[in-house]
């Protein structure tokens, strides 16, 4: 799956990309209101007692590894990282694998543009990104409309 990200940066994380992820089961029907509401409610289960913090826009995040003191990227940077993304039910959507990938932060989903700059080089963060900052209310390939997505990201380098 990661080969789609490396090939002309056409992976699912890019804002202007066509759905390029491998299908995870049959396509889901359009997102009903109860599904979207359940996805939003999931965010409320991520408590400060578990280390979760929230941005003003609604991203939930926590640092799970690293010193928190490394250089921080900006949206103008290319970032080298490893990542995995899951649905709230635990199914994995995509994983970059052991080898880091280089991605232009400014071309990625809004949730990454806001979340990754919180990280320092050497950090691993977990993010819960609501649909409004990911892929919105419409289905996008295997991503059902209204989905909250869970990312684990290791920031390896900036502008490698």
C-alpha atoms as a PDB file:
ATOM      1  CA  UNK A   1       0.000   0.000   0.000  1.00  0.00           C
ATOM      2  CA  UNK A   2       2.809   2.416   0.756  1.00  0.00           C
ATOM      3  CA  UNK A   3       3.944   2.203  -2.851  1.00  0.00           C
ATOM      4  CA  UNK A   4       0.924   4.335  -3.743  1.00  0.00           C
ATOM      5  CA  UNK A   5       2.272   7.124  -1.528  1.00  0.00           C
ATOM      6  CA  UNK A   6       5.710   6.918  -3.035  1.00  0.00           C
ATOM      7  CA  UNK A   7       4.423   6.771  -6.609  1.00  0.00           C
ATOM      8  CA  UNK A   8       3.794  10.396  -7.519  1.00  0.00           C
ATOM      9  CA  UNK A   9       2.444  11.105  -4.041  1.00  0.00           C
ATOM     10  CA  UNK A  10      -0.965   9.760  -4.968  1.00  0.00           C
ATOM     11  CA  UNK A  11      -1.765   8.072  -1.623  1.00  0.00           C
ATOM     12  CA  UNK A  12      -4.959   8.573   0.335  1.00  0.00           C
ATOM     13  CA  UNK A  13      -3.426  11.193   2.637  1.00  0.00           C
ATOM     14  CA  UNK A  14      -3.037  13.748  -0.135  1.00  0.00           C
ATOM     15  CA  UNK A  15      -5.754  16.342  -0.440  1.00  0.00           C
ATOM     16  CA  UNK A  16      -6.136  16.188  -4.212  1.00  0.00           C
ATOM     17  CA  UNK A  17      -5.546  12.472  -4.664  1.00  0.00           C
ATOM     18  CA  UNK A  18      -7.970   9.989  -6.082  1.00  0.00           C
ATOM     19  CA  UNK A  19      -8.747   7.030  -3.801  1.00  0.00           C
ATOM     20  CA  UNK A  20      -5.612   4.924  -4.128  1.00  0.00           C
ATOM     21  CA  UNK A  21      -5.812   2.649  -1.090  1.00  0.00           C
ATOM     22  CA  UNK A  22      -6.381  -1.046  -1.294  1.00  0.00           C
ATOM     23  CA  UNK A  23     -10.010  -1.886  -0.631  1.00  0.00           C
ATOM     24  CA  UNK A  24     -10.749  -2.933   2.971  1.00  0.00           C
ATOM     25  CA  UNK A  25     -13.910  -4.978   2.420  1.00  0.00           C
ATOM     26  CA  UNK A  26     -16.850  -3.938   0.294  1.00  0.00           C
ATOM     27  CA  UNK A  27     -17.558  -0.240  -0.246  1.00  0.00           C
ATOM     28  CA  UNK A  28     -19.612   1.225   2.565  1.00  0.00           C
ATOM     29  CA  UNK A  29     -22.940   2.923   1.930  1.00  0.00           C
ATOM     30  CA  UNK A  30     -23.245   6.686   2.366  1.00  0.00           C
ATOM     31  CA  UNK A  31     -22.700   7.815   5.950  1.00  0.00           C
ATOM     32  CA  UNK A  32     -25.950   7.966   7.884  1.00  0.00           C
ATOM     33  CA  UNK A  33     -26.273  10.545  10.629  1.00  0.00           C
ATOM     34  CA  UNK A  34     -26.000   7.927  13.399  1.00  0.00           C
ATOM     35  CA  UNK A  35     -22.667   6.670  12.033  1.00  0.00           C
ATOM     36  CA  UNK A  36     -21.213  10.171  11.881  1.00  0.00           C
ATOM     37  CA  UNK A  37     -22.530  10.900  15.375  1.00  0.00           C
ATOM     38  CA  UNK A  38     -20.920   7.705  16.710  1.00  0.00           C
ATOM     39  CA  UNK A  39     -17.617   8.679  15.095  1.00  0.00           C
ATOM     40  CA  UNK A  40     -17.742  12.091  16.732  1.00  0.00           C
ATOM     41  CA  UNK A  41     -18.756  10.555  20.073  1.00  0.00           C
ATOM     42  CA  UNK A  42     -15.681   8.299  19.898  1.00  0.00           C
ATOM     43  CA  UNK A  43     -13.529  11.397  20.328  1.00  0.00           C
ATOM     44  CA  UNK A  44     -15.151  12.030  23.713  1.00  0.00           C
ATOM     45  CA  UNK A  45     -13.860   8.662  24.981  1.00  0.00           C
ATOM     46  CA  UNK A  46     -10.257   9.883  24.696  1.00  0.00           C
ATOM     47  CA  UNK A  47      -9.727  11.406  28.115  1.00  0.00           C
ATOM     48  CA  UNK A  48      -7.044  13.690  29.528  1.00  0.00           C
ATOM     49  CA  UNK A  49      -6.493  11.014  32.199  1.00  0.00           C
ATOM     50  CA  UNK A  50      -5.185   8.816  29.343  1.00  0.00           C
ATOM     51  CA  UNK A  51      -2.881  11.611  28.171  1.00  0.00           C
ATOM     52  CA  UNK A  52      -5.117  12.887  25.367  1.00  0.00           C
ATOM     53  CA  UNK A  53      -5.213  16.588  24.579  1.00  0.00           C
ATOM     54  CA  UNK A  54      -7.426  18.441  22.111  1.00  0.00           C
ATOM     55  CA  UNK A  55      -6.796  21.239  19.648  1.00  0.00           C
ATOM     56  CA  UNK A  56      -9.336  24.012  19.127  1.00  0.00           C
ATOM     57  CA  UNK A  57     -10.387  22.359  15.852  1.00  0.00           C
ATOM     58  CA  UNK A  58     -11.131  19.015  17.535  1.00  0.00           C
ATOM     59  CA  UNK A  59      -8.066  16.850  16.858  1.00  0.00           C
ATOM     60  CA  UNK A  60      -7.178  14.617  19.800  1.00  0.00           C
ATOM     61  CA  UNK A  61      -3.500  13.815  20.282  1.00  0.00           C
ATOM     62  CA  UNK A  62      -0.946  12.453  22.705  1.00  0.00           C
ATOM     63  CA  UNK A  63       2.797  11.894  22.673  1.00  0.00           C
ATOM     64  CA  UNK A  64       3.534   8.232  23.340  1.00  0.00           C
ATOM     65  CA  UNK A  65       7.279   8.191  22.741  1.00  0.00           C
ATOM     66  CA  UNK A  66      10.122  10.630  22.321  1.00  0.00           C
ATOM     67  CA  UNK A  67      11.601  13.568  24.161  1.00  0.00           C
ATOM     68  CA  UNK A  68       9.245  16.231  22.810  1.00  0.00           C
ATOM     69  CA  UNK A  69      12.223  18.531  22.290  1.00  0.00           C
ATOM     70  CA  UNK A  70      13.170  17.938  18.647  1.00  0.00           C
ATOM     71  CA  UNK A  71      12.705  20.424  15.818  1.00  0.00           C
ATOM     72  CA  UNK A  72       9.090  20.973  14.754  1.00  0.00           C
ATOM     73  CA  UNK A  73       8.024  21.026  11.091  1.00  0.00           C
ATOM     74  CA  UNK A  74       5.865  23.633   9.400  1.00  0.00           C
ATOM     75  CA  UNK A  75       3.269  23.098   6.695  1.00  0.00           C
ATOM     76  CA  UNK A  76       5.883  24.213   4.146  1.00  0.00           C
ATOM     77  CA  UNK A  77       8.187  21.293   5.020  1.00  0.00           C
ATOM     78  CA  UNK A  78       8.642  17.821   3.633  1.00  0.00           C
ATOM     79  CA  UNK A  79       8.475  15.377   6.525  1.00  0.00           C
ATOM     80  CA  UNK A  80      10.029  11.935   6.784  1.00  0.00           C
ATOM     81  CA  UNK A  81       7.863   9.664   8.877  1.00  0.00           C
ATOM     82  CA  UNK A  82       6.386   6.268   9.539  1.00  0.00           C
ATOM     83  CA  UNK A  83       2.666   5.985  10.128  1.00  0.00           C
ATOM     84  CA  UNK A  84      -0.295   3.702  10.457  1.00  0.00           C
ATOM     85  CA  UNK A  85      -3.976   4.564  10.190  1.00  0.00           C
ATOM     86  CA  UNK A  86      -6.912   2.670  11.641  1.00  0.00           C
ATOM     87  CA  UNK A  87     -10.639   3.052  11.831  1.00  0.00           C
ATOM     88  CA  UNK A  88     -12.242   3.512  15.254  1.00  0.00           C
ATOM     89  CA  UNK A  89     -13.242  -0.166  15.221  1.00  0.00           C
ATOM     90  CA  UNK A  90      -9.541  -1.133  15.094  1.00  0.00           C
ATOM     91  CA  UNK A  91      -9.319  -2.207  11.446  1.00  0.00           C
ATOM     92  CA  UNK A  92      -6.083  -1.056   9.861  1.00  0.00           C
ATOM     93  CA  UNK A  93      -6.467   1.015   6.716  1.00  0.00           C
ATOM     94  CA  UNK A  94      -2.829   1.645   5.802  1.00  0.00           C
ATOM     95  CA  UNK A  95       0.651   1.292   7.225  1.00  0.00           C
ATOM     96  CA  UNK A  96       3.859   2.788   5.871  1.00  0.00           C
ATOM     97  CA  UNK A  97       5.881  -0.166   7.121  1.00  0.00           C
ATOM     98  CA  UNK A  98       9.393  -0.072   8.555  1.00  0.00           C
ATOM     99  CA  UNK A  99      10.866   2.293   5.964  1.00  0.00           C
ATOM    100  CA  UNK A 100      10.032   5.973   6.479  1.00  0.00           C
ATOM    101  CA  UNK A 101       8.358   7.926   3.688  1.00  0.00           C
ATOM    102  CA  UNK A 102       8.876  11.544   2.654  1.00  0.00           C
ATOM    103  CA  UNK A 103       5.674  13.568   2.249  1.00  0.00           C
ATOM    104  CA  UNK A 104       4.954  17.263   1.615  1.00  0.00           C
ATOM    105  CA  UNK A 105       3.047  18.292   4.728  1.00  0.00           C
ATOM    106  CA  UNK A 106       1.224  21.099   2.932  1.00  0.00           C
ATOM    107  CA  UNK A 107      -0.423  18.615   0.538  1.00  0.00           C
ATOM    108  CA  UNK A 108      -1.717  16.250   3.206  1.00  0.00           C
ATOM    109  CA  UNK A 109      -5.084  16.196   4.971  1.00  0.00           C
ATOM    110  CA  UNK A 110      -5.831  19.175   7.178  1.00  0.00           C
ATOM    111  CA  UNK A 111      -5.596  17.062  10.330  1.00  0.00           C
ATOM    112  CA  UNK A 112      -1.973  16.235   9.532  1.00  0.00           C
ATOM    113  CA  UNK A 113      -1.201  19.841   8.600  1.00  0.00           C
ATOM    114  CA  UNK A 114      -2.342  20.861  12.066  1.00  0.00           C
ATOM    115  CA  UNK A 115      -1.189  17.824  14.050  1.00  0.00           C
ATOM    116  CA  UNK A 116       2.273  16.955  12.732  1.00  0.00           C
ATOM    117  CA  UNK A 117       3.728  20.418  13.583  1.00  0.00           C
ATOM    118  CA  UNK A 118       2.940  19.644  17.242  1.00  0.00           C
ATOM    119  CA  UNK A 119       5.558  16.882  17.041  1.00  0.00           C
ATOM    120  CA  UNK A 120       9.305  17.138  17.449  1.00  0.00           C
ATOM    121  CA  UNK A 121      11.747  15.018  15.477  1.00  0.00           C
ATOM    122  CA  UNK A 122      12.057  11.712  17.309  1.00  0.00           C
ATOM    123  CA  UNK A 123       8.516  11.774  18.691  1.00  0.00           C
ATOM    124  CA  UNK A 124       5.715   9.272  18.199  1.00  0.00           C
ATOM    125  CA  UNK A 125       2.210  10.679  18.509  1.00  0.00           C
ATOM    126  CA  UNK A 126      -1.238   9.205  18.309  1.00  0.00           C
ATOM    127  CA  UNK A 127      -3.895  11.329  16.638  1.00  0.00           C
ATOM    128  CA  UNK A 128      -7.652  10.928  16.439  1.00  0.00           C
ATOM    129  CA  UNK A 129      -8.702  13.093  13.512  1.00  0.00           C
ATOM    130  CA  UNK A 130     -12.394  13.863  13.024  1.00  0.00           C
ATOM    131  CA  UNK A 131     -13.932  13.574   9.581  1.00  0.00           C
ATOM    132  CA  UNK A 132     -14.060  17.337   9.075  1.00  0.00           C
ATOM    133  CA  UNK A 133     -10.243  17.443   9.188  1.00  0.00           C
ATOM    134  CA  UNK A 134      -9.747  14.210   7.244  1.00  0.00           C
ATOM    135  CA  UNK A 135     -12.050  13.154   4.394  1.00  0.00           C
ATOM    136  CA  UNK A 136     -15.352  14.764   5.347  1.00  0.00           C
ATOM    137  CA  UNK A 137     -18.898  13.442   4.988  1.00  0.00           C
ATOM    138  CA  UNK A 138     -18.536  11.686   1.608  1.00  0.00           C
ATOM    139  CA  UNK A 139     -17.151   8.192   1.063  1.00  0.00           C
ATOM    140  CA  UNK A 140     -13.574   8.176  -0.243  1.00  0.00           C
ATOM    141  CA  UNK A 141     -12.634   4.694  -1.444  1.00  0.00           C
ATOM    142  CA  UNK A 142     -12.519   2.424   1.604  1.00  0.00           C
ATOM    143  CA  UNK A 143     -12.989   5.371   3.970  1.00  0.00           C
ATOM    144  CA  UNK A 144     -16.642   5.688   4.898  1.00  0.00           C
ATOM    145  CA  UNK A 145     -17.940   9.246   4.946  1.00  0.00           C
ATOM    146  CA  UNK A 146     -17.951  10.794   8.414  1.00  0.00           C
ATOM    147  CA  UNK A 147     -15.112   8.564   9.672  1.00  0.00           C
ATOM    148  CA  UNK A 148     -12.847   9.554  12.512  1.00  0.00           C
ATOM    149  CA  UNK A 149      -9.396   8.162  11.733  1.00  0.00           C
ATOM    150  CA  UNK A 150      -6.724   7.059  14.194  1.00  0.00           C
ATOM    151  CA  UNK A 151      -3.102   7.676  13.245  1.00  0.00           C
ATOM    152  CA  UNK A 152       0.162   6.690  14.877  1.00  0.00           C
ATOM    153  CA  UNK A 153       2.988   8.792  13.470  1.00  0.00           C
ATOM    154  CA  UNK A 154       6.750   8.701  14.056  1.00  0.00           C
ATOM    155  CA  UNK A 155       8.438  11.928  12.930  1.00  0.00           C
ATOM    156  CA  UNK A 156      11.874  10.865  11.687  1.00  0.00           C
ATOM    157  CA  UNK A 157      13.172  14.026   9.987  1.00  0.00           C
ATOM    158  CA  UNK A 158      12.238  17.366   8.445  1.00  0.00           C
ATOM    159  CA  UNK A 159      13.257  18.266   4.879  1.00  0.00           C
ATOM    160  CA  UNK A 160      15.441  15.170   4.494  1.00  0.00           C
END
